[in-house]
Protein backbone atom coordinates (compact mmCIF):
# COMPACT_ATOMS: atom_id res chain seq x y z
CA UNK A 1 0.00 0.00 0.00
CA UNK A 2 1.39 3.41 -0.98
CA UNK A 3 2.05 5.46 2.15
CA UNK A 4 3.64 8.62 0.74
CA UNK A 5 6.29 9.98 -1.59
CA UNK A 6 9.87 9.39 -0.47
CA UNK A 7 10.49 13.09 -1.08
CA UNK A 8 7.87 13.86 1.63
CA UNK A 9 10.01 12.21 4.32
CA UNK A 10 12.93 14.33 5.58
CA UNK A 11 16.36 12.77 6.06
CA UNK A 12 16.66 11.86 9.75
CA UNK A 13 13.01 12.80 10.20
CA UNK A 14 9.48 11.44 10.17
CA UNK A 15 5.93 12.12 9.00
CA UNK A 16 2.53 10.75 9.98
CA UNK A 17 0.26 8.97 7.51
CA UNK A 18 -3.00 7.05 7.86
CA UNK A 19 -3.09 3.51 6.42
CA UNK A 20 -6.11 1.24 6.86
CA UNK A 21 -7.36 3.73 9.45
CA UNK A 22 -4.17 3.40 11.54
CA UNK A 23 -1.72 6.22 12.29
CA UNK A 24 1.67 5.17 10.90
CA UNK A 25 5.01 6.93 11.36
CA UNK A 26 7.14 6.87 8.21
CA UNK A 27 10.72 7.66 9.22
CA UNK A 28 14.02 7.99 7.41
CA UNK A 29 17.32 7.37 9.16
CA UNK A 30 20.79 6.45 7.95
CA UNK A 31 19.51 6.18 4.38
CA UNK A 32 16.76 3.67 5.22
CA UNK A 33 12.99 4.10 5.40
CA UNK A 34 10.90 2.59 8.21
CA UNK A 35 7.23 2.30 9.15
CA UNK A 36 6.14 1.97 12.78
CA UNK A 37 2.99 2.64 14.75
CA UNK A 38 2.70 6.38 15.31
CA UNK A 39 1.44 5.94 18.87
CA UNK A 40 3.98 5.75 21.70
CA UNK A 41 3.46 2.64 23.84
CA UNK A 42 4.01 4.68 27.02
CA UNK A 43 1.83 7.72 26.35
CA UNK A 44 -0.83 8.20 23.67
CA UNK A 45 1.14 10.70 21.58
CA UNK A 46 2.51 10.78 18.02
CA UNK A 47 6.03 9.43 17.62
CA UNK A 48 6.29 11.20 14.24
CA UNK A 49 6.64 14.49 16.13
CA UNK A 50 9.84 13.27 17.81
CA UNK A 51 13.49 13.40 16.81
CA UNK A 52 14.97 10.71 14.55
CA UNK A 53 18.61 9.81 15.08
CA UNK A 54 20.86 6.78 14.49
CA UNK A 55 18.03 4.38 13.62
CA UNK A 56 15.82 5.42 16.55
CA UNK A 57 12.94 7.80 17.16
CA UNK A 58 12.37 9.69 20.40
CA UNK A 59 8.95 10.34 21.86
CA UNK A 60 8.74 14.10 22.33
CA UNK A 61 6.68 13.87 25.53
CA UNK A 62 8.80 11.80 27.93
CA UNK A 63 11.92 10.98 25.93
CA UNK A 64 11.43 7.25 25.33
CA UNK A 65 13.38 6.02 22.30
CA UNK A 66 12.34 3.22 19.95
CA UNK A 67 14.43 1.20 17.50
CA UNK A 68 12.97 1.88 14.04
CA UNK A 69 13.88 -1.64 12.85
CA UNK A 70 12.28 -3.63 15.68
CA UNK A 71 9.95 -1.22 17.48
CA UNK A 72 11.64 -2.18 20.76
CA UNK A 73 12.07 0.60 23.32
CA UNK A 74 15.70 1.57 23.86
CA UNK A 75 15.05 4.09 26.62
CA UNK A 76 12.63 4.43 29.51
CA UNK A 77 9.92 5.19 30.47
CA UNK A 78 8.48 3.05 27.64
CA UNK A 79 8.85 -0.68 28.27
CA UNK A 80 6.61 -2.12 25.52
CA UNK A 81 7.44 -2.22 21.80
CA UNK A 82 5.44 -0.52 19.05
CA UNK A 83 4.37 -2.32 15.88
CA UNK A 84 6.64 -2.20 12.82
CA UNK A 85 5.68 -2.78 9.19
CA UNK A 86 7.72 -3.91 6.16
CA UNK A 87 8.67 -1.07 3.78
CA UNK A 88 9.78 -1.06 0.16
CA UNK A 89 10.68 1.97 -1.91
CA UNK A 90 9.85 1.97 -5.62
CA UNK A 91 11.04 5.13 -7.31
CA UNK A 92 9.58 7.94 -5.19
CA UNK A 93 6.82 5.73 -3.70
CA UNK A 94 7.07 4.45 -0.12
CA UNK A 95 5.07 1.22 0.10
CA UNK A 96 4.06 -0.31 3.43
CA UNK A 97 2.79 -3.86 3.88
CA UNK A 98 0.01 -3.75 6.44
CA UNK A 99 -1.03 -6.89 8.31
CA UNK A 100 -3.71 -8.79 6.47
PDB file of N, CA and C in Angstrom:
ATOM      1  N   UNK A   1       0.837  -1.170   0.000  1.00  0.00           N
ATOM      2  CA  UNK A   1       0.000   0.000   0.000  1.00  0.00           C
ATOM      3  C   UNK A   1       0.891   1.246   0.000  1.00  0.00           C
ATOM      4  N   UNK A   2       0.588   2.183  -0.904  1.00  0.00           N
ATOM      5  CA  UNK A   2       1.392   3.406  -0.976  1.00  0.00           C
ATOM      6  C   UNK A   2       1.108   4.272   0.252  1.00  0.00           C
ATOM      7  N   UNK A   3       2.177   4.642   0.957  1.00  0.00           N
ATOM      8  CA  UNK A   3       2.049   5.464   2.154  1.00  0.00           C
ATOM      9  C   UNK A   3       2.260   6.941   1.849  1.00  0.00           C
ATOM     10  N   UNK A   4       3.291   7.228   1.023  1.00  0.00           N
ATOM     11  CA  UNK A   4       3.644   8.615   0.740  1.00  0.00           C
ATOM     12  C   UNK A   4       4.734   8.626  -0.328  1.00  0.00           C
ATOM     13  N   UNK A   5       5.139   9.816  -0.706  1.00  0.00           N
ATOM     14  CA  UNK A   5       6.294   9.979  -1.587  1.00  0.00           C
ATOM     15  C   UNK A   5       7.550   9.998  -0.729  1.00  0.00           C
ATOM     16  N   UNK A   6       8.599   9.373  -1.201  1.00  0.00           N
ATOM     17  CA  UNK A   6       9.869   9.391  -0.475  1.00  0.00           C
ATOM     18  C   UNK A   6      10.321  10.824  -0.232  1.00  0.00           C
ATOM     19  N   UNK A   7      10.082  11.685  -1.202  1.00  0.00           N
ATOM     20  CA  UNK A   7      10.494  13.087  -1.076  1.00  0.00           C
ATOM     21  C   UNK A   7       9.734  13.822   0.029  1.00  0.00           C
ATOM     22  N   UNK A   8       8.621  13.245   0.524  1.00  0.00           N
ATOM     23  CA  UNK A   8       7.871  13.856   1.627  1.00  0.00           C
ATOM     24  C   UNK A   8       8.520  13.603   2.983  1.00  0.00           C
ATOM     25  N   UNK A   9       9.426  12.617   3.044  1.00  0.00           N
ATOM     26  CA  UNK A   9      10.013  12.206   4.320  1.00  0.00           C
ATOM     27  C   UNK A   9      11.401  12.827   4.451  1.00  0.00           C
ATOM     28  N   UNK A  10      11.609  13.702   5.438  1.00  0.00           N
ATOM     29  CA  UNK A  10      12.926  14.334   5.580  1.00  0.00           C
ATOM     30  C   UNK A  10      13.999  13.334   6.004  1.00  0.00           C
ATOM     31  N   UNK A  11      15.235  13.576   5.576  1.00  0.00           N
ATOM     32  CA  UNK A  11      16.361  12.772   6.059  1.00  0.00           C
ATOM     33  C   UNK A  11      16.448  12.949   7.573  1.00  0.00           C
ATOM     34  N   UNK A  12      16.631  11.845   8.286  1.00  0.00           N
ATOM     35  CA  UNK A  12      16.661  11.863   9.752  1.00  0.00           C
ATOM     36  C   UNK A  12      15.431  12.595  10.293  1.00  0.00           C
ATOM     37  N   UNK A  13      14.270  12.210   9.756  1.00  0.00           N
ATOM     38  CA  UNK A  13      13.012  12.805  10.196  1.00  0.00           C
ATOM     39  C   UNK A  13      11.861  11.855   9.952  1.00  0.00           C
ATOM     40  N   UNK A  14      10.646  12.299  10.265  1.00  0.00           N
ATOM     41  CA  UNK A  14       9.477  11.436  10.170  1.00  0.00           C
ATOM     42  C   UNK A  14       8.237  12.241   9.823  1.00  0.00           C
ATOM     43  N   UNK A  15       7.245  11.540   9.255  1.00  0.00           N
ATOM     44  CA  UNK A  15       5.932  12.118   8.998  1.00  0.00           C
ATOM     45  C   UNK A  15       4.871  11.117   9.436  1.00  0.00           C
ATOM     46  N   UNK A  16       3.670  11.611   9.610  1.00  0.00           N
ATOM     47  CA  UNK A  16       2.529  10.751   9.982  1.00  0.00           C
ATOM     48  C   UNK A  16       1.645  10.539   8.757  1.00  0.00           C
ATOM     49  N   UNK A  17       1.223   9.294   8.551  1.00  0.00           N
ATOM     50  CA  UNK A  17       0.256   8.967   7.507  1.00  0.00           C
ATOM     51  C   UNK A  17      -0.819   8.075   8.129  1.00  0.00           C
ATOM     52  N   UNK A  18      -1.928   7.966   7.446  1.00  0.00           N
ATOM     53  CA  UNK A  18      -2.998   7.051   7.859  1.00  0.00           C
ATOM     54  C   UNK A  18      -3.069   5.918   6.833  1.00  0.00           C
ATOM     55  N   UNK A  19      -2.966   4.677   7.285  1.00  0.00           N
ATOM     56  CA  UNK A  19      -3.090   3.509   6.417  1.00  0.00           C
ATOM     57  C   UNK A  19      -4.072   2.537   7.057  1.00  0.00           C
ATOM     58  N   UNK A  20      -5.071   2.120   6.318  1.00  0.00           N
ATOM     59  CA  UNK A  20      -6.110   1.238   6.859  1.00  0.00           C
ATOM     60  C   UNK A  20      -6.679   1.784   8.168  1.00  0.00           C
ATOM     61  N   UNK A  21      -6.799   3.108   8.262  1.00  0.00           N
ATOM     62  CA  UNK A  21      -7.356   3.731   9.451  1.00  0.00           C
ATOM     63  C   UNK A  21      -6.414   3.795  10.640  1.00  0.00           C
ATOM     64  N   UNK A  22      -5.147   3.388  10.444  1.00  0.00           N
ATOM     65  CA  UNK A  22      -4.171   3.398  11.537  1.00  0.00           C
ATOM     66  C   UNK A  22      -3.161   4.517  11.331  1.00  0.00           C
ATOM     67  N   UNK A  23      -2.786   5.230  12.410  1.00  0.00           N
ATOM     68  CA  UNK A  23      -1.719   6.222  12.293  1.00  0.00           C
ATOM     69  C   UNK A  23      -0.364   5.513  12.212  1.00  0.00           C
ATOM     70  N   UNK A  24       0.367   5.802  11.148  1.00  0.00           N
ATOM     71  CA  UNK A  24       1.666   5.170  10.904  1.00  0.00           C
ATOM     72  C   UNK A  24       2.725   6.262  10.792  1.00  0.00           C
ATOM     73  N   UNK A  25       3.859   6.033  11.440  1.00  0.00           N
ATOM     74  CA  UNK A  25       5.006   6.929  11.356  1.00  0.00           C
ATOM     75  C   UNK A  25       5.937   6.398  10.272  1.00  0.00           C
ATOM     76  N   UNK A  26       6.168   7.204   9.246  1.00  0.00           N
ATOM     77  CA  UNK A  26       7.144   6.873   8.206  1.00  0.00           C
ATOM     78  C   UNK A  26       8.391   7.685   8.537  1.00  0.00           C
ATOM     79  N   UNK A  27       9.488   6.996   8.794  1.00  0.00           N
ATOM     80  CA  UNK A  27      10.718   7.660   9.222  1.00  0.00           C
ATOM     81  C   UNK A  27      11.867   7.298   8.296  1.00  0.00           C
ATOM     82  N   UNK A  28      12.801   8.231   8.182  1.00  0.00           N
ATOM     83  CA  UNK A  28      14.021   7.990   7.414  1.00  0.00           C
ATOM     84  C   UNK A  28      15.210   8.230   8.319  1.00  0.00           C
ATOM     85  N   UNK A  29      16.124   7.240   8.341  1.00  0.00           N
ATOM     86  CA  UNK A  29      17.320   7.365   9.160  1.00  0.00           C
ATOM     87  C   UNK A  29      18.437   6.553   8.535  1.00  0.00           C
ATOM     88  N   UNK A  30      19.606   7.116   8.477  1.00  0.00           N
ATOM     89  CA  UNK A  30      20.793   6.447   7.954  1.00  0.00           C
ATOM     90  C   UNK A  30      20.544   5.860   6.560  1.00  0.00           C
ATOM     91  N   UNK A  31      19.774   6.590   5.747  1.00  0.00           N
ATOM     92  CA  UNK A  31      19.511   6.175   4.376  1.00  0.00           C
ATOM     93  C   UNK A  31      18.445   5.111   4.216  1.00  0.00           C
ATOM     94  N   UNK A  32      17.818   4.676   5.290  1.00  0.00           N
ATOM     95  CA  UNK A  32      16.762   3.669   5.217  1.00  0.00           C
ATOM     96  C   UNK A  32      15.419   4.285   5.582  1.00  0.00           C
ATOM     97  N   UNK A  33      14.347   3.639   5.114  1.00  0.00           N
ATOM     98  CA  UNK A  33      12.986   4.099   5.405  1.00  0.00           C
ATOM     99  C   UNK A  33      12.296   3.033   6.255  1.00  0.00           C
ATOM    100  N   UNK A  34      11.554   3.487   7.263  1.00  0.00           N
ATOM    101  CA  UNK A  34      10.901   2.592   8.210  1.00  0.00           C
ATOM    102  C   UNK A  34       9.449   2.999   8.398  1.00  0.00           C
ATOM    103  N   UNK A  35       8.626   2.034   8.799  1.00  0.00           N
ATOM    104  CA  UNK A  35       7.231   2.302   9.152  1.00  0.00           C
ATOM    105  C   UNK A  35       6.958   1.655  10.502  1.00  0.00           C
ATOM    106  N   UNK A  36       6.498   2.473  11.455  1.00  0.00           N
ATOM    107  CA  UNK A  36       6.143   1.965  12.784  1.00  0.00           C
ATOM    108  C   UNK A  36       4.823   2.611  13.191  1.00  0.00           C
ATOM    109  N   UNK A  37       4.193   2.029  14.200  1.00  0.00           N
ATOM    110  CA  UNK A  37       2.990   2.639  14.746  1.00  0.00           C
ATOM    111  C   UNK A  37       3.332   4.057  15.196  1.00  0.00           C
ATOM    112  N   UNK A  38       2.419   4.989  14.946  1.00  0.00           N
ATOM    113  CA  UNK A  38       2.699   6.380  15.312  1.00  0.00           C
ATOM    114  C   UNK A  38       2.214   6.724  16.712  1.00  0.00           C
ATOM    115  N   UNK A  39       1.899   5.704  17.505  1.00  0.00           N
ATOM    116  CA  UNK A  39       1.439   5.943  18.873  1.00  0.00           C
ATOM    117  C   UNK A  39       2.455   5.360  19.851  1.00  0.00           C
ATOM    118  N   UNK A  40       3.015   6.197  20.691  1.00  0.00           N
ATOM    119  CA  UNK A  40       3.983   5.754  21.701  1.00  0.00           C
ATOM    120  C   UNK A  40       3.311   4.730  22.623  1.00  0.00           C
ATOM    121  N   UNK A  41       4.030   3.673  22.973  1.00  0.00           N
ATOM    122  CA  UNK A  41       3.463   2.636  23.844  1.00  0.00           C
ATOM    123  C   UNK A  41       3.406   3.070  25.309  1.00  0.00           C
ATOM    124  N   UNK A  42       4.027   4.184  25.633  1.00  0.00           N
ATOM    125  CA  UNK A  42       4.014   4.681  27.018  1.00  0.00           C
ATOM    126  C   UNK A  42       2.936   5.743  27.223  1.00  0.00           C
ATOM    127  N   UNK A  43       2.833   6.660  26.283  1.00  0.00           N
ATOM    128  CA  UNK A  43       1.832   7.725  26.354  1.00  0.00           C
ATOM    129  C   UNK A  43       1.194   7.854  24.978  1.00  0.00           C
ATOM    130  N   UNK A  44      -0.066   8.172  24.927  1.00  0.00           N
ATOM    131  CA  UNK A  44      -0.827   8.196  23.675  1.00  0.00           C
ATOM    132  C   UNK A  44      -0.517   9.456  22.870  1.00  0.00           C
ATOM    133  N   UNK A  45       0.724   9.552  22.378  1.00  0.00           N
ATOM    134  CA  UNK A  45       1.144  10.704  21.578  1.00  0.00           C
ATOM    135  C   UNK A  45       1.841  10.226  20.309  1.00  0.00           C
ATOM    136  N   UNK A  46       1.940  11.115  19.328  1.00  0.00           N
ATOM    137  CA  UNK A  46       2.505  10.780  18.021  1.00  0.00           C
ATOM    138  C   UNK A  46       4.032  10.714  18.060  1.00  0.00           C
ATOM    139  N   UNK A  47       4.578   9.558  17.712  1.00  0.00           N
ATOM    140  CA  UNK A  47       6.034   9.428  17.621  1.00  0.00           C
ATOM    141  C   UNK A  47       6.596  10.262  16.471  1.00  0.00           C
ATOM    142  N   UNK A  48       5.802  10.464  15.414  1.00  0.00           N
ATOM    143  CA  UNK A  48       6.285  11.197  14.239  1.00  0.00           C
ATOM    144  C   UNK A  48       6.679  12.638  14.568  1.00  0.00           C
ATOM    145  N   UNK A  49       6.273  13.131  15.721  1.00  0.00           N
ATOM    146  CA  UNK A  49       6.642  14.486  16.134  1.00  0.00           C
ATOM    147  C   UNK A  49       7.974  14.520  16.884  1.00  0.00           C
ATOM    148  N   UNK A  50       8.589  13.351  17.076  1.00  0.00           N
ATOM    149  CA  UNK A  50       9.838  13.270  17.814  1.00  0.00           C
ATOM    150  C   UNK A  50      11.057  13.326  16.917  1.00  0.00           C
ATOM    151  N   UNK A  51      12.227  13.330  17.534  1.00  0.00           N
ATOM    152  CA  UNK A  51      13.491  13.399  16.812  1.00  0.00           C
ATOM    153  C   UNK A  51      13.931  12.010  16.355  1.00  0.00           C
ATOM    154  N   UNK A  52      14.429  11.942  15.116  1.00  0.00           N
ATOM    155  CA  UNK A  52      14.968  10.708  14.551  1.00  0.00           C
ATOM    156  C   UNK A  52      16.487  10.825  14.523  1.00  0.00           C
ATOM    157  N   UNK A  53      17.158   9.783  15.033  1.00  0.00           N
ATOM    158  CA  UNK A  53      18.614   9.815  15.083  1.00  0.00           C
ATOM    159  C   UNK A  53      19.155   8.394  15.211  1.00  0.00           C
ATOM    160  N   UNK A  54      20.144   8.054  14.386  1.00  0.00           N
ATOM    161  CA  UNK A  54      20.858   6.777  14.493  1.00  0.00           C
ATOM    162  C   UNK A  54      19.928   5.567  14.544  1.00  0.00           C
ATOM    163  N   UNK A  55      18.916   5.539  13.681  1.00  0.00           N
ATOM    164  CA  UNK A  55      18.033   4.382  13.618  1.00  0.00           C
ATOM    165  C   UNK A  55      17.014   4.297  14.731  1.00  0.00           C
ATOM    166  N   UNK A  56      16.823   5.389  15.491  1.00  0.00           N
ATOM    167  CA  UNK A  56      15.817   5.421  16.553  1.00  0.00           C
ATOM    168  C   UNK A  56      14.959   6.666  16.417  1.00  0.00           C
ATOM    169  N   UNK A  57      13.804   6.620  17.078  1.00  0.00           N
ATOM    170  CA  UNK A  57      12.941   7.803  17.156  1.00  0.00           C
ATOM    171  C   UNK A  57      12.625   8.044  18.625  1.00  0.00           C
ATOM    172  N   UNK A  58      12.613   9.312  19.006  1.00  0.00           N
ATOM    173  CA  UNK A  58      12.373   9.690  20.395  1.00  0.00           C
ATOM    174  C   UNK A  58      10.973  10.252  20.543  1.00  0.00           C
ATOM    175  N   UNK A  59      10.259   9.765  21.538  1.00  0.00           N
ATOM    176  CA  UNK A  59       8.953  10.337  21.857  1.00  0.00           C
ATOM    177  C   UNK A  59       9.174  11.727  22.454  1.00  0.00           C
ATOM    178  N   UNK A  60       8.525  12.720  21.906  1.00  0.00           N
ATOM    179  CA  UNK A  60       8.739  14.100  22.328  1.00  0.00           C
ATOM    180  C   UNK A  60       8.218  14.379  23.736  1.00  0.00           C
ATOM    181  N   UNK A  61       7.300  13.548  24.241  1.00  0.00           N
ATOM    182  CA  UNK A  61       6.680  13.867  25.525  1.00  0.00           C
ATOM    183  C   UNK A  61       7.549  13.499  26.722  1.00  0.00           C
ATOM    184  N   UNK A  62       8.022  12.253  26.779  1.00  0.00           N
ATOM    185  CA  UNK A  62       8.795  11.798  27.935  1.00  0.00           C
ATOM    186  C   UNK A  62      10.189  11.299  27.593  1.00  0.00           C
ATOM    187  N   UNK A  63      10.555  11.325  26.305  1.00  0.00           N
ATOM    188  CA  UNK A  63      11.918  10.982  25.934  1.00  0.00           C
ATOM    189  C   UNK A  63      12.212   9.511  25.690  1.00  0.00           C
ATOM    190  N   UNK A  64      11.187   8.657  25.674  1.00  0.00           N
ATOM    191  CA  UNK A  64      11.428   7.254  25.327  1.00  0.00           C
ATOM    192  C   UNK A  64      11.948   7.174  23.905  1.00  0.00           C
ATOM    193  N   UNK A  65      12.874   6.237  23.655  1.00  0.00           N
ATOM    194  CA  UNK A  65      13.383   6.021  22.300  1.00  0.00           C
ATOM    195  C   UNK A  65      12.988   4.632  21.846  1.00  0.00           C
ATOM    196  N   UNK A  66      12.717   4.500  20.539  1.00  0.00           N
ATOM    197  CA  UNK A  66      12.339   3.219  19.950  1.00  0.00           C
ATOM    198  C   UNK A  66      13.240   2.926  18.760  1.00  0.00           C
ATOM    199  N   UNK A  67      13.648   1.656  18.645  1.00  0.00           N
ATOM    200  CA  UNK A  67      14.426   1.197  17.501  1.00  0.00           C
ATOM    201  C   UNK A  67      13.486   1.134  16.302  1.00  0.00           C
ATOM    202  N   UNK A  68      13.834   1.838  15.225  1.00  0.00           N
ATOM    203  CA  UNK A  68      12.974   1.884  14.043  1.00  0.00           C
ATOM    204  C   UNK A  68      12.893   0.532  13.330  1.00  0.00           C
ATOM    205  N   UNK A  69      13.893  -0.327  13.501  1.00  0.00           N
ATOM    206  CA  UNK A  69      13.878  -1.638  12.851  1.00  0.00           C
ATOM    207  C   UNK A  69      12.967  -2.636  13.559  1.00  0.00           C
ATOM    208  N   UNK A  70      12.984  -2.604  14.893  1.00  0.00           N
ATOM    209  CA  UNK A  70      12.281  -3.628  15.679  1.00  0.00           C
ATOM    210  C   UNK A  70      11.071  -3.102  16.439  1.00  0.00           C
ATOM    211  N   UNK A  71      11.005  -1.797  16.660  1.00  0.00           N
ATOM    212  CA  UNK A  71       9.945  -1.221  17.477  1.00  0.00           C
ATOM    213  C   UNK A  71      10.210  -1.336  18.969  1.00  0.00           C
ATOM    214  N   UNK A  72      11.323  -1.988  19.348  1.00  0.00           N
ATOM    215  CA  UNK A  72      11.643  -2.176  20.761  1.00  0.00           C
ATOM    216  C   UNK A  72      12.065  -0.849  21.400  1.00  0.00           C
ATOM    217  N   UNK A  73      11.623  -0.612  22.633  1.00  0.00           N
ATOM    218  CA  UNK A  73      12.073   0.597  23.320  1.00  0.00           C
ATOM    219  C   UNK A  73      13.552   0.475  23.681  1.00  0.00           C
ATOM    220  N   UNK A  74      14.284   1.560  23.501  1.00  0.00           N
ATOM    221  CA  UNK A  74      15.704   1.572  23.855  1.00  0.00           C
ATOM    222  C   UNK A  74      15.971   2.533  25.004  1.00  0.00           C
ATOM    223  N   UNK A  75      14.916   3.163  25.502  1.00  0.00           N
ATOM    224  CA  UNK A  75      15.054   4.086  26.621  1.00  0.00           C
ATOM    225  C   UNK A  75      13.742   4.214  27.363  1.00  0.00           C
ATOM    226  N   UNK A  76      13.820   4.270  28.675  1.00  0.00           N
ATOM    227  CA  UNK A  76      12.627   4.428  29.515  1.00  0.00           C
ATOM    228  C   UNK A  76      12.043   5.825  29.338  1.00  0.00           C
ATOM    229  N   UNK A  77      10.775   6.050  29.671  1.00  0.00           N
ATOM    230  CA  UNK A  77       9.924   5.190  30.471  1.00  0.00           C
ATOM    231  C   UNK A  77       9.166   4.103  29.701  1.00  0.00           C
ATOM    232  N   UNK A  78       9.189   4.101  28.378  1.00  0.00           N
ATOM    233  CA  UNK A  78       8.480   3.046  27.639  1.00  0.00           C
ATOM    234  C   UNK A  78       9.141   1.695  27.895  1.00  0.00           C
ATOM    235  N   UNK A  79       8.307   0.663  28.080  1.00  0.00           N
ATOM    236  CA  UNK A  79       8.847  -0.683  28.269  1.00  0.00           C
ATOM    237  C   UNK A  79       8.147  -1.711  27.379  1.00  0.00           C
ATOM    238  N   UNK A  80       7.290  -1.246  26.471  1.00  0.00           N
ATOM    239  CA  UNK A  80       6.614  -2.119  25.516  1.00  0.00           C
ATOM    240  C   UNK A  80       6.946  -1.654  24.099  1.00  0.00           C
ATOM    241  N   UNK A  81       7.126  -2.595  23.176  1.00  0.00           N
ATOM    242  CA  UNK A  81       7.442  -2.220  21.796  1.00  0.00           C
ATOM    243  C   UNK A  81       6.227  -1.634  21.078  1.00  0.00           C
ATOM    244  N   UNK A  82       6.496  -0.974  19.957  1.00  0.00           N
ATOM    245  CA  UNK A  82       5.442  -0.525  19.048  1.00  0.00           C
ATOM    246  C   UNK A  82       5.530  -1.388  17.788  1.00  0.00           C
ATOM    247  N   UNK A  83       4.423  -1.498  17.083  1.00  0.00           N
ATOM    248  CA  UNK A  83       4.372  -2.325  15.876  1.00  0.00           C
ATOM    249  C   UNK A  83       5.242  -1.736  14.770  1.00  0.00           C
ATOM    250  N   UNK A  84       5.876  -2.606  13.997  1.00  0.00           N
ATOM    251  CA  UNK A  84       6.637  -2.197  12.818  1.00  0.00           C
ATOM    252  C   UNK A  84       6.021  -2.860  11.599  1.00  0.00           C
ATOM    253  N   UNK A  85       6.256  -2.278  10.432  1.00  0.00           N
ATOM    254  CA  UNK A  85       5.680  -2.775   9.185  1.00  0.00           C
ATOM    255  C   UNK A  85       6.758  -2.799   8.107  1.00  0.00           C
ATOM    256  N   UNK A  86       6.742  -3.835   7.247  1.00  0.00           N
ATOM    257  CA  UNK A  86       7.723  -3.910   6.159  1.00  0.00           C
ATOM    258  C   UNK A  86       7.545  -2.756   5.166  1.00  0.00           C
ATOM    259  N   UNK A  87       8.669  -2.204   4.718  1.00  0.00           N
ATOM    260  CA  UNK A  87       8.669  -1.071   3.777  1.00  0.00           C
ATOM    261  C   UNK A  87       9.490  -1.422   2.547  1.00  0.00           C
ATOM    262  N   UNK A  88       8.984  -1.028   1.387  1.00  0.00           N
ATOM    263  CA  UNK A  88       9.776  -1.056   0.161  1.00  0.00           C
ATOM    264  C   UNK A  88       9.652   0.316  -0.487  1.00  0.00           C
ATOM    265  N   UNK A  89      10.691   0.704  -1.192  1.00  0.00           N
ATOM    266  CA  UNK A  89      10.679   1.975  -1.912  1.00  0.00           C
ATOM    267  C   UNK A  89      10.800   1.654  -3.393  1.00  0.00           C
ATOM    268  N   UNK A  90       9.841   2.134  -4.165  1.00  0.00           N
ATOM    269  CA  UNK A  90       9.853   1.969  -5.622  1.00  0.00           C
ATOM    270  C   UNK A  90       9.821   3.354  -6.240  1.00  0.00           C
ATOM    271  N   UNK A  91      10.950   3.774  -6.781  1.00  0.00           N
ATOM    272  CA  UNK A  91      11.042   5.133  -7.309  1.00  0.00           C
ATOM    273  C   UNK A  91      10.878   6.118  -6.167  1.00  0.00           C
ATOM    274  N   UNK A  92       9.838   6.971  -6.262  1.00  0.00           N
ATOM    275  CA  UNK A  92       9.576   7.944  -5.193  1.00  0.00           C
ATOM    276  C   UNK A  92       8.418   7.482  -4.299  1.00  0.00           C
ATOM    277  N   UNK A  93       7.943   6.242  -4.480  1.00  0.00           N
ATOM    278  CA  UNK A  93       6.824   5.729  -3.697  1.00  0.00           C
ATOM    279  C   UNK A  93       7.315   4.919  -2.503  1.00  0.00           C
ATOM    280  N   UNK A  94       6.810   5.250  -1.321  1.00  0.00           N
ATOM    281  CA  UNK A  94       7.073   4.449  -0.115  1.00  0.00           C
ATOM    282  C   UNK A  94       5.861   3.526   0.051  1.00  0.00           C
ATOM    283  N   UNK A  95       6.131   2.221  -0.002  1.00  0.00           N
ATOM    284  CA  UNK A  95       5.066   1.221   0.103  1.00  0.00           C
ATOM    285  C   UNK A  95       5.200   0.490   1.433  1.00  0.00           C
ATOM    286  N   UNK A  96       4.083   0.342   2.125  1.00  0.00           N
ATOM    287  CA  UNK A  96       4.061  -0.315   3.434  1.00  0.00           C
ATOM    288  C   UNK A  96       3.128  -1.515   3.358  1.00  0.00           C
ATOM    289  N   UNK A  97       3.629  -2.656   3.838  1.00  0.00           N
ATOM    290  CA  UNK A  97       2.790  -3.860   3.882  1.00  0.00           C
ATOM    291  C   UNK A  97       2.110  -3.900   5.237  1.00  0.00           C
ATOM    292  N   UNK A  98       0.797  -3.694   5.211  1.00  0.00           N
ATOM    293  CA  UNK A  98       0.012  -3.752   6.439  1.00  0.00           C
ATOM    294  C   UNK A  98      -0.371  -5.208   6.699  1.00  0.00           C
ATOM    295  N   UNK A  99      -0.616  -5.538   7.965  1.00  0.00           N
ATOM    296  CA  UNK A  99      -1.030  -6.894   8.313  1.00  0.00           C
ATOM    297  C   UNK A  99      -2.344  -7.203   7.622  1.00  0.00           C
ATOM    298  N   UNK A 100      -2.452  -8.427   7.134  1.00  0.00           N
ATOM    299  CA  UNK A 100      -3.709  -8.791   6.467  1.00  0.00           C
ATOM    300  C   UNK A 100      -4.479  -9.833   7.244  1.00  0.00           C
TER     301      UNK A 100
END
